[in-house]
Amino acid sequence: MKCPGQDMQYWNENAIFNVDCPECHKPVEFYKDDTSRKCGHCGKRFVNPKMDFGCASYCQFAEQCLGTLPEEFKGVQDNLLKDKVAVEMKRQYKSDFKRISRTMKIARHAENIGKSEGGNLATILCAAYLHEMDISIAREILENLSAEQETIKEVCTVIEQSPGSGTPSSIESKIVHDAIHLHELQDTGTTPDHFFTSSALKLGEESIT
């Protein structure tokens, strides 16, 4: 069954409209199901400002239904994925509130460090939420949430490279390692000066105070 919102038989006179190009301000004709259009005057491609991407933010068939999604919208999908992973983590740990609290604190450190140092925040946060789980359980959670295969691979790689298992192979792995270490130092009340050598860890130290 085709999504009613994309089926032309349900459209009315408002289904086709003009939008001023943000670059040259010339009118560009849009159909309601266009994700983006290129301006015929200046060549600027821009997102359909009237399109409701609500279902696409969680539907695994979004690209088949709507076509290639604009790059900025994929960030919304990443945000939803990490939020869903956080919910699944809490479900897995059930009433183990101490473990949930520890994991949430590590994830917050990882997010702060990631915003400062770079790296894929979706990968960083998903790995931070799942880092204590068996790799098969973590993979199953991500697959059930319809995460992209590349994301699943990256998150599982970070989880497998647990602290003490060797040198992290990516910035995402290093950030999650640093977040875990930072939480351990906070938990024991020890924060040696030599540990806070990078801007990332300095930012993490600020989040403690």
C-alpha atoms as a PDB file:
ATOM      1  CA  MET A   1       0.000   0.000   0.000  1.00  0.00           C
ATOM      2  CA  LYS A   2       1.336   3.399  -0.975  1.00  0.00           C
ATOM      3  CA  CYS A   3       1.604   6.041   1.753  1.00  0.00           C
ATOM      4  CA  PRO A   4      -1.560   8.227   1.374  1.00  0.00           C
ATOM      5  CA  GLY A   5       0.507  11.351   1.864  1.00  0.00           C
ATOM      6  CA  GLN A   6       2.534  10.492  -1.252  1.00  0.00           C
ATOM      7  CA  ASP A   7      -0.397   9.264  -3.387  1.00  0.00           C
ATOM      8  CA  MET A   8      -1.519  11.940  -5.893  1.00  0.00           C
ATOM      9  CA  GLN A   9      -5.160  10.856  -5.738  1.00  0.00           C
ATOM     10  CA  TYR A  10      -5.353  12.351  -2.245  1.00  0.00           C
ATOM     11  CA  TRP A  11      -3.784  15.679  -3.273  1.00  0.00           C
ATOM     12  CA  ASN A  12      -5.633  18.996  -3.533  1.00  0.00           C
ATOM     13  CA  GLU A  13      -4.861  22.365  -5.129  1.00  0.00           C
ATOM     14  CA  ASN A  14      -2.207  23.065  -2.489  1.00  0.00           C
ATOM     15  CA  ALA A  15      -0.089  20.106  -3.614  1.00  0.00           C
ATOM     16  CA  ILE A  16       1.824  22.233  -6.156  1.00  0.00           C
ATOM     17  CA  PHE A  17       3.243  25.569  -5.061  1.00  0.00           C
ATOM     18  CA  ASN A  18       6.056  28.041  -5.606  1.00  0.00           C
ATOM     19  CA  VAL A  19       8.854  28.770  -3.149  1.00  0.00           C
ATOM     20  CA  ASP A  20      11.338  31.627  -3.487  1.00  0.00           C
ATOM     21  CA  CYS A  21      14.901  30.428  -3.976  1.00  0.00           C
ATOM     22  CA  PRO A  22      16.979  31.352  -0.879  1.00  0.00           C
ATOM     23  CA  GLU A  23      19.888  32.325  -3.163  1.00  0.00           C
ATOM     24  CA  CYS A  24      18.396  34.433  -5.976  1.00  0.00           C
ATOM     25  CA  HIS A  25      14.797  34.755  -4.741  1.00  0.00           C
ATOM     26  CA  LYS A  26      13.308  33.524  -8.046  1.00  0.00           C
ATOM     27  CA  PRO A  27      10.202  31.293  -7.740  1.00  0.00           C
ATOM     28  CA  VAL A  28      10.800  27.529  -7.853  1.00  0.00           C
ATOM     29  CA  GLU A  29       7.875  25.154  -8.402  1.00  0.00           C
ATOM     30  CA  PHE A  30       7.544  22.311  -5.883  1.00  0.00           C
ATOM     31  CA  TYR A  31       5.319  19.261  -5.748  1.00  0.00           C
ATOM     32  CA  LYS A  32       4.394  18.419  -2.171  1.00  0.00           C
ATOM     33  CA  ASP A  33       6.396  15.150  -2.301  1.00  0.00           C
ATOM     34  CA  ASP A  34       9.610  16.758  -3.590  1.00  0.00           C
ATOM     35  CA  THR A  35      12.299  16.508  -0.916  1.00  0.00           C
ATOM     36  CA  SER A  36      14.335  19.188  -2.703  1.00  0.00           C
ATOM     37  CA  ARG A  37      14.469  21.094  -5.988  1.00  0.00           C
ATOM     38  CA  LYS A  38      17.136  22.913  -7.970  1.00  0.00           C
ATOM     39  CA  CYS A  39      16.524  26.531  -8.912  1.00  0.00           C
ATOM     40  CA  GLY A  40      16.351  26.862 -12.700  1.00  0.00           C
ATOM     41  CA  HIS A  41      17.805  30.371 -12.503  1.00  0.00           C
ATOM     42  CA  CYS A  42      20.882  30.050 -10.263  1.00  0.00           C
ATOM     43  CA  GLY A  43      21.234  26.281  -9.787  1.00  0.00           C
ATOM     44  CA  LYS A  44      20.849  26.362  -6.003  1.00  0.00           C
ATOM     45  CA  ARG A  45      19.331  23.131  -4.614  1.00  0.00           C
ATOM     46  CA  PHE A  46      17.297  23.513  -1.436  1.00  0.00           C
ATOM     47  CA  VAL A  47      14.950  21.490   0.765  1.00  0.00           C
ATOM     48  CA  ASN A  48      11.182  21.639   0.365  1.00  0.00           C
ATOM     49  CA  PRO A  49      10.192  23.930   3.292  1.00  0.00           C
ATOM     50  CA  LYS A  50       6.627  22.591   3.411  1.00  0.00           C
ATOM     51  CA  MET A  51       7.386  18.900   3.456  1.00  0.00           C
ATOM     52  CA  ASP A  52       6.615  16.926   6.606  1.00  0.00           C
ATOM     53  CA  PHE A  53       9.486  14.503   7.174  1.00  0.00           C
ATOM     54  CA  GLY A  54       7.933  13.115  10.354  1.00  0.00           C
ATOM     55  CA  CYS A  55       7.489   9.482   9.299  1.00  0.00           C
ATOM     56  CA  ALA A  56      10.817   9.468   7.460  1.00  0.00           C
ATOM     57  CA  SER A  57      12.679  10.142  10.688  1.00  0.00           C
ATOM     58  CA  TYR A  58      11.995   6.608  11.897  1.00  0.00           C
ATOM     59  CA  CYS A  59      10.929   4.605   8.818  1.00  0.00           C
ATOM     60  CA  GLN A  60      13.587   2.265   7.387  1.00  0.00           C
ATOM     61  CA  PHE A  61      12.013   2.648   3.910  1.00  0.00           C
ATOM     62  CA  ALA A  62      12.176   6.459   3.919  1.00  0.00           C
ATOM     63  CA  GLU A  63      14.605   6.776   1.019  1.00  0.00           C
ATOM     64  CA  GLN A  64      12.647   4.331  -1.172  1.00  0.00           C
ATOM     65  CA  CYS A  65       9.453   6.263  -0.441  1.00  0.00           C
ATOM     66  CA  LEU A  66      10.735   9.831  -0.647  1.00  0.00           C
ATOM     67  CA  GLY A  67      13.863   9.525  -2.740  1.00  0.00           C
ATOM     68  CA  THR A  68      17.299  10.628  -1.598  1.00  0.00           C
ATOM     69  CA  LEU A  69      16.885  12.458   1.697  1.00  0.00           C
ATOM     70  CA  PRO A  70      18.617  15.822   2.147  1.00  0.00           C
ATOM     71  CA  GLU A  71      21.870  15.626   4.095  1.00  0.00           C
ATOM     72  CA  GLU A  72      20.632  17.808   6.953  1.00  0.00           C
ATOM     73  CA  PHE A  73      17.700  15.456   7.506  1.00  0.00           C
ATOM     74  CA  LYS A  74      19.977  12.478   8.057  1.00  0.00           C
ATOM     75  CA  GLY A  75      21.174  14.236  11.189  1.00  0.00           C
ATOM     76  CA  VAL A  76      17.623  13.995  12.539  1.00  0.00           C
ATOM     77  CA  GLN A  77      17.671  10.238  11.954  1.00  0.00           C
ATOM     78  CA  ASP A  78      20.984   9.964  13.820  1.00  0.00           C
ATOM     79  CA  ASN A  79      19.548  11.884  16.778  1.00  0.00           C
ATOM     80  CA  LEU A  80      16.514   9.613  16.899  1.00  0.00           C
ATOM     81  CA  LEU A  81      18.716   6.506  16.722  1.00  0.00           C
ATOM     82  CA  LYS A  82      20.833   7.488  19.733  1.00  0.00           C
ATOM     83  CA  ASP A  83      17.693   8.353  21.702  1.00  0.00           C
ATOM     84  CA  LYS A  84      16.159   4.970  20.870  1.00  0.00           C
ATOM     85  CA  VAL A  85      19.389   3.207  21.856  1.00  0.00           C
ATOM     86  CA  ALA A  86      19.297   5.003  25.218  1.00  0.00           C
ATOM     87  CA  VAL A  87      15.755   3.694  25.767  1.00  0.00           C
ATOM     88  CA  GLU A  88      16.797   0.145  24.829  1.00  0.00           C
ATOM     89  CA  MET A  89      19.757   0.344  27.202  1.00  0.00           C
ATOM     90  CA  LYS A  90      17.394   1.178  30.069  1.00  0.00           C
ATOM     91  CA  ARG A  91      15.144  -1.711  29.093  1.00  0.00           C
ATOM     92  CA  GLN A  92      18.077  -4.106  29.113  1.00  0.00           C
ATOM     93  CA  TYR A  93      19.275  -2.998  32.558  1.00  0.00           C
ATOM     94  CA  LYS A  94      15.700  -2.923  33.952  1.00  0.00           C
ATOM     95  CA  SER A  95      15.857  -1.973  37.663  1.00  0.00           C
ATOM     96  CA  ASP A  96      19.654  -1.760  37.818  1.00  0.00           C
ATOM     97  CA  PHE A  97      19.485   1.994  38.326  1.00  0.00           C
ATOM     98  CA  LYS A  98      23.116   2.281  39.384  1.00  0.00           C
ATOM     99  CA  ARG A  99      24.246   0.812  36.085  1.00  0.00           C
ATOM    100  CA  ILE A 100      21.831   2.996  34.134  1.00  0.00           C
ATOM    101  CA  SER A 101      23.089   6.093  35.942  1.00  0.00           C
ATOM    102  CA  ARG A 102      26.718   5.170  35.271  1.00  0.00           C
ATOM    103  CA  THR A 103      26.028   4.578  31.593  1.00  0.00           C
ATOM    104  CA  MET A 104      24.153   7.870  31.229  1.00  0.00           C
ATOM    105  CA  LYS A 105      27.022   9.781  32.851  1.00  0.00           C
ATOM    106  CA  ILE A 106      29.546   8.135  30.543  1.00  0.00           C
ATOM    107  CA  ALA A 107      27.356   9.006  27.560  1.00  0.00           C
ATOM    108  CA  ARG A 108      27.194  12.662  28.666  1.00  0.00           C
ATOM    109  CA  HIS A 109      30.983  12.797  28.975  1.00  0.00           C
ATOM    110  CA  ALA A 110      31.298  11.174  25.541  1.00  0.00           C
ATOM    111  CA  GLU A 111      28.906  13.702  24.003  1.00  0.00           C
ATOM    112  CA  ASN A 112      30.786  16.667  25.503  1.00  0.00           C
ATOM    113  CA  ILE A 113      34.148  15.326  24.359  1.00  0.00           C
ATOM    114  CA  GLY A 114      32.786  14.437  20.926  1.00  0.00           C
ATOM    115  CA  LYS A 115      31.418  17.945  20.374  1.00  0.00           C
ATOM    116  CA  SER A 116      34.872  19.328  21.167  1.00  0.00           C
ATOM    117  CA  GLU A 117      37.076  16.778  19.413  1.00  0.00           C
ATOM    118  CA  GLY A 118      34.921  15.759  16.443  1.00  0.00           C
ATOM    119  CA  GLY A 119      33.919  12.286  15.346  1.00  0.00           C
ATOM    120  CA  ASN A 120      30.498  10.844  14.581  1.00  0.00           C
ATOM    121  CA  LEU A 121      28.283  11.676  17.553  1.00  0.00           C
ATOM    122  CA  ALA A 122      25.702   9.020  16.678  1.00  0.00           C
ATOM    123  CA  THR A 123      28.399   6.319  16.728  1.00  0.00           C
ATOM    124  CA  ILE A 124      29.966   7.739  19.898  1.00  0.00           C
ATOM    125  CA  LEU A 125      26.716   7.891  21.858  1.00  0.00           C
ATOM    126  CA  CYS A 126      25.350   4.546  20.691  1.00  0.00           C
ATOM    127  CA  ALA A 127      28.651   2.914  21.670  1.00  0.00           C
ATOM    128  CA  ALA A 128      28.663   4.708  25.023  1.00  0.00           C
ATOM    129  CA  TYR A 129      25.142   3.464  25.797  1.00  0.00           C
ATOM    130  CA  LEU A 130      25.933  -0.117  24.750  1.00  0.00           C
ATOM    131  CA  HIS A 131      29.596  -0.440  25.757  1.00  0.00           C
ATOM    132  CA  GLU A 132      28.991  -2.813  28.693  1.00  0.00           C
ATOM    133  CA  MET A 133      26.728  -5.184  26.764  1.00  0.00           C
ATOM    134  CA  ASP A 134      27.694  -8.356  24.970  1.00  0.00           C
ATOM    135  CA  ILE A 135      28.501  -7.485  21.370  1.00  0.00           C
ATOM    136  CA  SER A 136      25.768  -9.799  20.054  1.00  0.00           C
ATOM    137  CA  ILE A 137      23.133  -8.034  22.158  1.00  0.00           C
ATOM    138  CA  ALA A 138      24.373  -4.608  21.073  1.00  0.00           C
ATOM    139  CA  ARG A 139      24.252  -5.660  17.427  1.00  0.00           C
ATOM    140  CA  GLU A 140      20.743  -7.081  17.827  1.00  0.00           C
ATOM    141  CA  ILE A 141      19.496  -3.829  19.403  1.00  0.00           C
ATOM    142  CA  LEU A 142      20.908  -1.761  16.536  1.00  0.00           C
ATOM    143  CA  GLU A 143      19.504  -4.106  13.900  1.00  0.00           C
ATOM    144  CA  ASN A 144      16.062  -4.065  15.529  1.00  0.00           C
ATOM    145  CA  LEU A 145      16.187  -0.255  15.404  1.00  0.00           C
ATOM    146  CA  SER A 146      16.955  -0.428  11.657  1.00  0.00           C
ATOM    147  CA  ALA A 147      20.332   1.294  12.029  1.00  0.00           C
ATOM    148  CA  GLU A 148      22.414   1.470   8.862  1.00  0.00           C
ATOM    149  CA  GLN A 149      24.902  -1.376   8.465  1.00  0.00           C
ATOM    150  CA  GLU A 150      27.846   1.023   8.423  1.00  0.00           C
ATOM    151  CA  THR A 151      26.681   2.530  11.729  1.00  0.00           C
ATOM    152  CA  ILE A 152      26.274  -0.934  13.263  1.00  0.00           C
ATOM    153  CA  LYS A 153      29.787  -1.879  12.156  1.00  0.00           C
ATOM    154  CA  GLU A 154      31.308   1.320  13.572  1.00  0.00           C
ATOM    155  CA  VAL A 155      29.483   1.035  16.920  1.00  0.00           C
ATOM    156  CA  CYS A 156      30.420  -2.633  17.344  1.00  0.00           C
ATOM    157  CA  THR A 157      34.065  -1.841  16.560  1.00  0.00           C
ATOM    158  CA  VAL A 158      34.104   0.775  19.327  1.00  0.00           C
ATOM    159  CA  ILE A 159      32.476  -1.642  21.791  1.00  0.00           C
ATOM    160  CA  GLU A 160      34.952  -4.416  20.949  1.00  0.00           C
ATOM    161  CA  GLN A 161      37.857  -2.054  21.615  1.00  0.00           C
ATOM    162  CA  SER A 162      37.181  -1.834  25.324  1.00  0.00           C
ATOM    163  CA  PRO A 163      39.620   0.096  27.529  1.00  0.00           C
ATOM    164  CA  GLY A 164      42.753  -1.955  28.044  1.00  0.00           C
ATOM    165  CA  SER A 165      42.317  -3.949  24.833  1.00  0.00           C
ATOM    166  CA  GLY A 166      44.874  -1.887  22.945  1.00  0.00           C
ATOM    167  CA  THR A 167      45.173   1.430  21.132  1.00  0.00           C
ATOM    168  CA  PRO A 168      41.809   2.739  19.855  1.00  0.00           C
ATOM    169  CA  SER A 169      41.583   2.579  16.059  1.00  0.00           C
ATOM    170  CA  SER A 170      39.324   5.620  15.610  1.00  0.00           C
ATOM    171  CA  ILE A 171      38.537   8.949  17.196  1.00  0.00           C
ATOM    172  CA  GLU A 172      35.147   7.533  18.224  1.00  0.00           C
ATOM    173  CA  SER A 173      36.846   4.692  20.139  1.00  0.00           C
ATOM    174  CA  LYS A 174      39.251   7.105  21.816  1.00  0.00           C
ATOM    175  CA  ILE A 175      36.426   9.402  22.881  1.00  0.00           C
ATOM    176  CA  VAL A 176      34.408   6.572  24.430  1.00  0.00           C
ATOM    177  CA  HIS A 177      37.575   5.309  26.200  1.00  0.00           C
ATOM    178  CA  ASP A 178      38.243   8.805  27.540  1.00  0.00           C
ATOM    179  CA  ALA A 179      34.624   9.162  28.699  1.00  0.00           C
ATOM    180  CA  ILE A 180      34.827   5.861  30.609  1.00  0.00           C
ATOM    181  CA  HIS A 181      38.159   6.837  32.164  1.00  0.00           C
ATOM    182  CA  LEU A 182      36.838  10.270  33.081  1.00  0.00           C
ATOM    183  CA  HIS A 183      33.834   8.753  34.840  1.00  0.00           C
ATOM    184  CA  GLU A 184      36.074   6.318  36.747  1.00  0.00           C
ATOM    185  CA  LEU A 185      38.214   9.214  37.974  1.00  0.00           C
ATOM    186  CA  GLN A 186      35.124  11.183  38.953  1.00  0.00           C
ATOM    187  CA  ASP A 187      33.696   8.140  40.733  1.00  0.00           C
ATOM    188  CA  THR A 188      36.854   7.624  42.797  1.00  0.00           C
ATOM    189  CA  GLY A 189      37.398  11.321  43.390  1.00  0.00           C
ATOM    190  CA  THR A 190      40.814  11.313  41.712  1.00  0.00           C
ATOM    191  CA  THR A 191      41.523  13.627  38.797  1.00  0.00           C
ATOM    192  CA  PRO A 192      45.315  13.718  38.262  1.00  0.00           C
ATOM    193  CA  ASP A 193      46.553  16.799  36.421  1.00  0.00           C
ATOM    194  CA  HIS A 194      48.407  14.785  33.775  1.00  0.00           C
ATOM    195  CA  PHE A 195      45.145  13.189  32.641  1.00  0.00           C
ATOM    196  CA  PHE A 196      43.575  16.424  31.434  1.00  0.00           C
ATOM    197  CA  THR A 197      45.974  17.166  28.603  1.00  0.00           C
ATOM    198  CA  SER A 198      43.560  17.560  25.688  1.00  0.00           C
ATOM    199  CA  SER A 199      40.812  20.100  25.183  1.00  0.00           C
ATOM    200  CA  ALA A 200      38.346  17.205  25.159  1.00  0.00           C
ATOM    201  CA  LEU A 201      39.224  16.054  28.637  1.00  0.00           C
ATOM    202  CA  LYS A 202      39.373  19.600  29.921  1.00  0.00           C
ATOM    203  CA  LEU A 203      35.810  19.974  28.692  1.00  0.00           C
ATOM    204  CA  GLY A 204      34.906  16.767  30.494  1.00  0.00           C
ATOM    205  CA  GLU A 205      36.460  18.095  33.697  1.00  0.00           C
ATOM    206  CA  GLU A 206      34.296  21.199  33.422  1.00  0.00           C
ATOM    207  CA  SER A 207      31.174  19.023  33.173  1.00  0.00           C
ATOM    208  CA  ILE A 208      32.044  17.480  36.552  1.00  0.00           C
ATOM    209  CA  THR A 209      32.219  20.782  38.423  1.00  0.00           C
END
